[in-house]
Amino acid sequence: MVEIQCPHCEKEVELEDGISGLFDCPYCEEEFEWNIESEEIFEDKTNLEATQPGFLVNIPGATFRAVLGGSVIFTGGLTVLLSLAGISASLGFIDLMSGDSGGSSAGPAGAGAGFALLILLAGGVLGAILSVILGAMGVGAVFTGLGIKARKFPALVIGAMWNFLGLIVTYLGTINGFGLFALPGLVFLASFIAHLLVMFAPSFRFLWFEAA
């Protein structure tokens, strides 16, 4: 037997003669090397580093954060554009219906037509309101993306919720025949998976939060 000193806690540890490799100290439970050739040490350290949270360090952390936050900013900006288009269409529809309502004839038929126009006007107003709400959500998503790039964990959680909601909406749009939603749906899906990996996988969380 040979006694060596643990480099971490400096206590004496007994090992068999001629033995070599990586060992766990029975006192502090830290790993230390003994009697290893330099090439073996290099290989062991390489394998050990590959298991650490930073094994994705070959991807720059700033780039990863930019892509992760940028995906939310992209979908938020797209939502704002859709909101503006919805507001424009709703206001145009309201203007058209308002012009038609002035020509409604009197009598029961005219009253029925006027009631129908009133319903259509209400639908146009509701569409405009929903478009404004959608635009506000899009603006919020843009700020959420900026928060993700700044490594704010609440923004990361909100970003995951935003992507999940967007994934549902685009899925419903796609199955109803709106092929326009296919590409945004893929962006939402990829971004949602990335957010979950950052939230629950230590290596991705390290890359997002600590890697330069």
C-alpha atoms as a PDB file:
ATOM      1  CA  MET A   1       0.000   0.000   0.000  1.00  0.00           C
ATOM      2  CA  VAL A   2       1.057   3.570  -0.595  1.00  0.00           C
ATOM      3  CA  GLU A   3      -0.222   6.685   1.150  1.00  0.00           C
ATOM      4  CA  ILE A   4      -0.797   9.812  -0.913  1.00  0.00           C
ATOM      5  CA  GLN A   5      -2.199  13.182   0.012  1.00  0.00           C
ATOM      6  CA  CYS A   6      -5.514  14.229  -1.497  1.00  0.00           C
ATOM      7  CA  PRO A   7      -4.887  17.469  -3.422  1.00  0.00           C
ATOM      8  CA  HIS A   8      -8.304  18.788  -2.374  1.00  0.00           C
ATOM      9  CA  CYS A   9      -8.653  18.120   1.361  1.00  0.00           C
ATOM     10  CA  GLU A  10      -4.956  17.244   1.992  1.00  0.00           C
ATOM     11  CA  LYS A  11      -5.843  14.087   3.943  1.00  0.00           C
ATOM     12  CA  GLU A  12      -3.874  10.854   3.566  1.00  0.00           C
ATOM     13  CA  VAL A  13      -5.443   8.269   1.253  1.00  0.00           C
ATOM     14  CA  GLU A  14      -4.208   4.680   0.966  1.00  0.00           C
ATOM     15  CA  LEU A  15      -3.857   3.146  -2.508  1.00  0.00           C
ATOM     16  CA  GLU A  16      -2.442  -0.148  -3.709  1.00  0.00           C
ATOM     17  CA  ASP A  17       1.082  -0.196  -5.096  1.00  0.00           C
ATOM     18  CA  GLY A  18       1.351   0.281  -8.849  1.00  0.00           C
ATOM     19  CA  ILE A  19      -2.239   1.383  -9.274  1.00  0.00           C
ATOM     20  CA  SER A  20      -3.068   4.365 -11.486  1.00  0.00           C
ATOM     21  CA  GLY A  21      -6.085   6.283 -12.705  1.00  0.00           C
ATOM     22  CA  LEU A  22      -8.759   8.606 -11.348  1.00  0.00           C
ATOM     23  CA  PHE A  23      -9.922   8.064  -7.767  1.00  0.00           C
ATOM     24  CA  ASP A  24     -12.573   9.496  -5.456  1.00  0.00           C
ATOM     25  CA  CYS A  25     -11.296  10.751  -2.123  1.00  0.00           C
ATOM     26  CA  PRO A  26     -13.157   8.926   0.693  1.00  0.00           C
ATOM     27  CA  TYR A  27     -13.114  12.126   2.760  1.00  0.00           C
ATOM     28  CA  CYS A  28     -14.107  14.967   0.443  1.00  0.00           C
ATOM     29  CA  GLU A  29     -15.432  12.784  -2.437  1.00  0.00           C
ATOM     30  CA  GLU A  30     -13.482  14.867  -4.967  1.00  0.00           C
ATOM     31  CA  GLU A  31     -11.694  13.211  -7.895  1.00  0.00           C
ATOM     32  CA  PHE A  32      -7.911  13.155  -8.111  1.00  0.00           C
ATOM     33  CA  GLU A  33      -5.362  11.547 -10.427  1.00  0.00           C
ATOM     34  CA  TRP A  34      -2.551   9.242  -9.426  1.00  0.00           C
ATOM     35  CA  ASN A  35       0.293   7.736 -11.427  1.00  0.00           C
ATOM     36  CA  ILE A  36      -1.214   8.583 -14.849  1.00  0.00           C
ATOM     37  CA  GLU A  37       0.859   9.230 -17.940  1.00  0.00           C
ATOM     38  CA  SER A  38       0.471  12.711 -19.428  1.00  0.00           C
ATOM     39  CA  GLU A  39      -1.398  11.395 -22.514  1.00  0.00           C
ATOM     40  CA  GLU A  40      -3.875   9.508 -20.325  1.00  0.00           C
ATOM     41  CA  ILE A  41      -4.408  12.605 -18.187  1.00  0.00           C
ATOM     42  CA  PHE A  42      -5.203  14.633 -21.292  1.00  0.00           C
ATOM     43  CA  GLU A  43      -7.724  12.031 -22.514  1.00  0.00           C
ATOM     44  CA  ASP A  44      -9.400  11.746 -19.102  1.00  0.00           C
ATOM     45  CA  LYS A  45      -9.699  15.506 -18.778  1.00  0.00           C
ATOM     46  CA  THR A  46     -11.143  15.729 -22.277  1.00  0.00           C
ATOM     47  CA  ASN A  47     -13.762  13.101 -21.461  1.00  0.00           C
ATOM     48  CA  LEU A  48     -14.522  14.767 -18.142  1.00  0.00           C
ATOM     49  CA  GLU A  49     -14.988  18.175 -19.753  1.00  0.00           C
ATOM     50  CA  ALA A  50     -17.341  16.661 -22.309  1.00  0.00           C
ATOM     51  CA  THR A  51     -19.706  15.706 -19.469  1.00  0.00           C
ATOM     52  CA  GLN A  52     -19.746  19.167 -17.927  1.00  0.00           C
ATOM     53  CA  PRO A  53     -22.567  21.686 -18.553  1.00  0.00           C
ATOM     54  CA  GLY A  54     -20.369  23.585 -20.960  1.00  0.00           C
ATOM     55  CA  PHE A  55     -19.936  20.782 -23.499  1.00  0.00           C
ATOM     56  CA  LEU A  56     -21.851  22.958 -25.990  1.00  0.00           C
ATOM     57  CA  VAL A  57     -19.363  25.756 -25.471  1.00  0.00           C
ATOM     58  CA  ASN A  58     -18.269  25.472 -29.105  1.00  0.00           C
ATOM     59  CA  ILE A  59     -21.522  27.342 -29.817  1.00  0.00           C
ATOM     60  CA  PRO A  60     -21.007  30.957 -28.659  1.00  0.00           C
ATOM     61  CA  GLY A  61     -23.446  31.774 -25.866  1.00  0.00           C
ATOM     62  CA  ALA A  62     -24.172  35.199 -27.335  1.00  0.00           C
ATOM     63  CA  THR A  63     -25.128  33.587 -30.647  1.00  0.00           C
ATOM     64  CA  PHE A  64     -27.396  31.084 -28.917  1.00  0.00           C
ATOM     65  CA  ARG A  65     -29.126  33.848 -26.947  1.00  0.00           C
ATOM     66  CA  ALA A  66     -29.506  35.943 -30.097  1.00  0.00           C
ATOM     67  CA  VAL A  67     -31.152  33.063 -31.960  1.00  0.00           C
ATOM     68  CA  LEU A  68     -33.373  32.118 -29.014  1.00  0.00           C
ATOM     69  CA  GLY A  69     -34.506  35.674 -28.341  1.00  0.00           C
ATOM     70  CA  GLY A  70     -34.589  36.489 -32.048  1.00  0.00           C
ATOM     71  CA  SER A  71     -37.107  33.726 -32.716  1.00  0.00           C
ATOM     72  CA  VAL A  72     -39.501  35.323 -30.224  1.00  0.00           C
ATOM     73  CA  ILE A  73     -38.827  38.798 -31.632  1.00  0.00           C
ATOM     74  CA  PHE A  74     -39.488  37.477 -35.155  1.00  0.00           C
ATOM     75  CA  THR A  75     -42.832  35.892 -34.260  1.00  0.00           C
ATOM     76  CA  GLY A  76     -43.773  38.967 -32.212  1.00  0.00           C
ATOM     77  CA  GLY A  77     -42.998  41.267 -35.136  1.00  0.00           C
ATOM     78  CA  LEU A  78     -44.971  39.014 -37.478  1.00  0.00           C
ATOM     79  CA  THR A  79     -47.898  39.193 -35.066  1.00  0.00           C
ATOM     80  CA  VAL A  80     -47.727  42.995 -35.047  1.00  0.00           C
ATOM     81  CA  LEU A  81     -47.835  43.033 -38.867  1.00  0.00           C
ATOM     82  CA  LEU A  82     -50.844  40.698 -38.868  1.00  0.00           C
ATOM     83  CA  SER A  83     -52.471  42.949 -36.278  1.00  0.00           C
ATOM     84  CA  LEU A  84     -51.986  46.032 -38.443  1.00  0.00           C
ATOM     85  CA  ALA A  85     -53.445  44.180 -41.429  1.00  0.00           C
ATOM     86  CA  GLY A  86     -56.409  43.095 -39.300  1.00  0.00           C
ATOM     87  CA  ILE A  87     -57.025  46.624 -38.043  1.00  0.00           C
ATOM     88  CA  SER A  88     -56.875  47.993 -41.586  1.00  0.00           C
ATOM     89  CA  ALA A  89     -59.285  45.349 -42.888  1.00  0.00           C
ATOM     90  CA  SER A  90     -61.682  45.852 -39.972  1.00  0.00           C
ATOM     91  CA  LEU A  91     -61.752  49.640 -40.368  1.00  0.00           C
ATOM     92  CA  GLY A  92     -62.292  49.273 -44.112  1.00  0.00           C
ATOM     93  CA  PHE A  93     -65.146  46.855 -43.482  1.00  0.00           C
ATOM     94  CA  ILE A  94     -66.703  49.204 -40.918  1.00  0.00           C
ATOM     95  CA  ASP A  95     -66.447  52.105 -43.363  1.00  0.00           C
ATOM     96  CA  LEU A  96     -68.061  50.018 -46.115  1.00  0.00           C
ATOM     97  CA  MET A  97     -70.907  48.873 -43.891  1.00  0.00           C
ATOM     98  CA  SER A  98     -71.475  52.411 -42.593  1.00  0.00           C
ATOM     99  CA  GLY A  99     -71.909  53.613 -46.178  1.00  0.00           C
ATOM    100  CA  ASP A 100     -74.384  50.846 -46.938  1.00  0.00           C
ATOM    101  CA  SER A 101     -76.415  51.528 -43.793  1.00  0.00           C
ATOM    102  CA  GLY A 102     -77.305  55.011 -45.073  1.00  0.00           C
ATOM    103  CA  GLY A 103     -79.203  53.517 -48.010  1.00  0.00           C
ATOM    104  CA  SER A 104     -81.416  51.138 -46.041  1.00  0.00           C
ATOM    105  CA  SER A 105     -85.079  51.418 -47.022  1.00  0.00           C
ATOM    106  CA  ALA A 106     -87.934  51.887 -44.603  1.00  0.00           C
ATOM    107  CA  GLY A 107     -90.378  49.188 -43.579  1.00  0.00           C
ATOM    108  CA  PRO A 108     -89.897  45.652 -42.218  1.00  0.00           C
ATOM    109  CA  ALA A 109     -87.438  44.690 -44.952  1.00  0.00           C
ATOM    110  CA  GLY A 110     -85.432  47.831 -44.317  1.00  0.00           C
ATOM    111  CA  ALA A 111     -85.474  47.196 -40.570  1.00  0.00           C
ATOM    112  CA  GLY A 112     -84.216  43.646 -41.114  1.00  0.00           C
ATOM    113  CA  ALA A 113     -81.447  44.856 -43.394  1.00  0.00           C
ATOM    114  CA  GLY A 114     -80.526  47.544 -40.881  1.00  0.00           C
ATOM    115  CA  PHE A 115     -80.317  44.955 -38.104  1.00  0.00           C
ATOM    116  CA  ALA A 116     -78.088  42.741 -40.258  1.00  0.00           C
ATOM    117  CA  LEU A 117     -75.827  45.701 -41.022  1.00  0.00           C
ATOM    118  CA  LEU A 118     -75.659  46.474 -37.303  1.00  0.00           C
ATOM    119  CA  ILE A 119     -74.507  42.907 -36.626  1.00  0.00           C
ATOM    120  CA  LEU A 120     -71.873  43.201 -39.352  1.00  0.00           C
ATOM    121  CA  LEU A 121     -70.684  46.532 -37.946  1.00  0.00           C
ATOM    122  CA  ALA A 122     -70.393  44.975 -34.498  1.00  0.00           C
ATOM    123  CA  GLY A 123     -68.335  42.173 -36.049  1.00  0.00           C
ATOM    124  CA  GLY A 124     -66.052  44.723 -37.682  1.00  0.00           C
ATOM    125  CA  VAL A 125     -65.578  46.573 -34.395  1.00  0.00           C
ATOM    126  CA  LEU A 126     -64.866  43.293 -32.596  1.00  0.00           C
ATOM    127  CA  GLY A 127     -62.328  42.387 -35.281  1.00  0.00           C
ATOM    128  CA  ALA A 128     -60.587  45.734 -34.816  1.00  0.00           C
ATOM    129  CA  ILE A 129     -60.477  45.267 -31.025  1.00  0.00           C
ATOM    130  CA  LEU A 130     -59.074  41.740 -31.347  1.00  0.00           C
ATOM    131  CA  SER A 131     -56.476  43.014 -33.818  1.00  0.00           C
ATOM    132  CA  VAL A 132     -55.376  45.688 -31.334  1.00  0.00           C
ATOM    133  CA  ILE A 133     -55.077  43.044 -28.588  1.00  0.00           C
ATOM    134  CA  LEU A 134     -53.092  40.826 -30.952  1.00  0.00           C
ATOM    135  CA  GLY A 135     -50.782  43.730 -31.747  1.00  0.00           C
ATOM    136  CA  ALA A 136     -50.228  44.419 -28.044  1.00  0.00           C
ATOM    137  CA  MET A 137     -49.306  40.761 -27.540  1.00  0.00           C
ATOM    138  CA  GLY A 138     -46.876  41.005 -30.449  1.00  0.00           C
ATOM    139  CA  VAL A 139     -45.201  44.063 -28.931  1.00  0.00           C
ATOM    140  CA  GLY A 140     -44.985  42.190 -25.625  1.00  0.00           C
ATOM    141  CA  ALA A 141     -43.346  39.264 -27.427  1.00  0.00           C
ATOM    142  CA  VAL A 142     -40.733  41.595 -28.922  1.00  0.00           C
ATOM    143  CA  PHE A 143     -39.814  42.872 -25.445  1.00  0.00           C
ATOM    144  CA  THR A 144     -39.832  39.277 -24.173  1.00  0.00           C
ATOM    145  CA  GLY A 145     -37.298  38.349 -26.852  1.00  0.00           C
ATOM    146  CA  LEU A 146     -35.084  41.228 -25.776  1.00  0.00           C
ATOM    147  CA  GLY A 147     -35.354  39.977 -22.183  1.00  0.00           C
ATOM    148  CA  ILE A 148     -34.315  36.488 -23.279  1.00  0.00           C
ATOM    149  CA  LYS A 149     -31.236  37.920 -24.993  1.00  0.00           C
ATOM    150  CA  ALA A 150     -30.477  39.742 -21.718  1.00  0.00           C
ATOM    151  CA  ARG A 151     -30.672  36.414 -19.796  1.00  0.00           C
ATOM    152  CA  LYS A 152     -33.840  37.237 -17.830  1.00  0.00           C
ATOM    153  CA  PHE A 153     -35.396  33.968 -16.639  1.00  0.00           C
ATOM    154  CA  PRO A 154     -38.987  35.341 -16.339  1.00  0.00           C
ATOM    155  CA  ALA A 155     -38.713  36.373 -19.995  1.00  0.00           C
ATOM    156  CA  LEU A 156     -37.625  32.823 -20.817  1.00  0.00           C
ATOM    157  CA  VAL A 157     -40.752  31.394 -19.151  1.00  0.00           C
ATOM    158  CA  ILE A 158     -43.013  33.916 -20.904  1.00  0.00           C
ATOM    159  CA  GLY A 159     -41.263  33.123 -24.178  1.00  0.00           C
ATOM    160  CA  ALA A 160     -42.031  29.419 -23.742  1.00  0.00           C
ATOM    161  CA  MET A 161     -45.703  30.226 -23.069  1.00  0.00           C
ATOM    162  CA  TRP A 162     -45.804  32.548 -26.092  1.00  0.00           C
ATOM    163  CA  ASN A 163     -44.363  29.861 -28.354  1.00  0.00           C
ATOM    164  CA  PHE A 164     -46.795  27.254 -27.020  1.00  0.00           C
ATOM    165  CA  LEU A 165     -49.741  29.573 -27.683  1.00  0.00           C
ATOM    166  CA  GLY A 166     -48.407  30.410 -31.140  1.00  0.00           C
ATOM    167  CA  LEU A 167     -47.920  26.713 -31.860  1.00  0.00           C
ATOM    168  CA  ILE A 168     -51.567  25.994 -31.051  1.00  0.00           C
ATOM    169  CA  VAL A 169     -52.835  28.904 -33.175  1.00  0.00           C
ATOM    170  CA  THR A 170     -50.683  28.018 -36.182  1.00  0.00           C
ATOM    171  CA  TYR A 171     -51.637  24.344 -35.880  1.00  0.00           C
ATOM    172  CA  LEU A 172     -55.329  25.224 -35.901  1.00  0.00           C
ATOM    173  CA  GLY A 173     -54.747  27.521 -38.866  1.00  0.00           C
ATOM    174  CA  THR A 174     -52.858  24.828 -40.777  1.00  0.00           C
ATOM    175  CA  ILE A 175     -55.424  22.055 -40.266  1.00  0.00           C
ATOM    176  CA  ASN A 176     -58.125  24.457 -41.428  1.00  0.00           C
ATOM    177  CA  GLY A 177     -56.402  24.890 -44.763  1.00  0.00           C
ATOM    178  CA  PHE A 178     -54.351  28.034 -44.164  1.00  0.00           C
ATOM    179  CA  GLY A 179     -50.960  26.955 -45.519  1.00  0.00           C
ATOM    180  CA  LEU A 180     -49.629  30.428 -44.664  1.00  0.00           C
ATOM    181  CA  PHE A 181     -49.274  29.267 -41.047  1.00  0.00           C
ATOM    182  CA  ALA A 182     -46.932  26.358 -41.843  1.00  0.00           C
ATOM    183  CA  LEU A 183     -43.624  28.295 -41.687  1.00  0.00           C
ATOM    184  CA  PRO A 184     -44.459  30.326 -38.530  1.00  0.00           C
ATOM    185  CA  GLY A 185     -45.615  27.055 -36.981  1.00  0.00           C
ATOM    186  CA  LEU A 186     -42.193  25.500 -37.533  1.00  0.00           C
ATOM    187  CA  VAL A 187     -40.545  28.561 -35.988  1.00  0.00           C
ATOM    188  CA  PHE A 188     -42.853  28.340 -32.964  1.00  0.00           C
ATOM    189  CA  LEU A 189     -42.154  24.602 -32.604  1.00  0.00           C
ATOM    190  CA  ALA A 190     -38.362  24.923 -32.822  1.00  0.00           C
ATOM    191  CA  SER A 191     -38.346  27.897 -30.454  1.00  0.00           C
ATOM    192  CA  PHE A 192     -40.632  26.135 -27.955  1.00  0.00           C
ATOM    193  CA  ILE A 193     -38.374  23.068 -27.870  1.00  0.00           C
ATOM    194  CA  ALA A 194     -35.300  25.278 -27.427  1.00  0.00           C
ATOM    195  CA  HIS A 195     -36.966  27.119 -24.531  1.00  0.00           C
ATOM    196  CA  LEU A 196     -37.795  23.828 -22.805  1.00  0.00           C
ATOM    197  CA  LEU A 197     -34.213  22.624 -23.246  1.00  0.00           C
ATOM    198  CA  VAL A 198     -32.880  25.812 -21.671  1.00  0.00           C
ATOM    199  CA  MET A 199     -35.330  25.542 -18.778  1.00  0.00           C
ATOM    200  CA  PHE A 200     -34.720  21.859 -17.983  1.00  0.00           C
ATOM    201  CA  ALA A 201     -31.378  20.770 -19.515  1.00  0.00           C
ATOM    202  CA  PRO A 202     -28.336  22.000 -17.512  1.00  0.00           C
ATOM    203  CA  SER A 203     -26.027  22.131 -20.540  1.00  0.00           C
ATOM    204  CA  PHE A 204     -28.398  24.359 -22.518  1.00  0.00           C
ATOM    205  CA  ARG A 205     -29.115  26.489 -19.457  1.00  0.00           C
ATOM    206  CA  PHE A 206     -25.378  26.961 -18.970  1.00  0.00           C
ATOM    207  CA  LEU A 207     -25.006  27.921 -22.633  1.00  0.00           C
ATOM    208  CA  TRP A 208     -27.850  30.456 -22.389  1.00  0.00           C
ATOM    209  CA  PHE A 209     -27.000  31.977 -19.023  1.00  0.00           C
ATOM    210  CA  GLU A 210     -23.240  31.673 -18.482  1.00  0.00           C
ATOM    211  CA  ALA A 211     -21.440  31.042 -21.768  1.00  0.00           C
ATOM    212  CA  ALA A 212     -19.852  34.111 -23.339  1.00  0.00           C
END
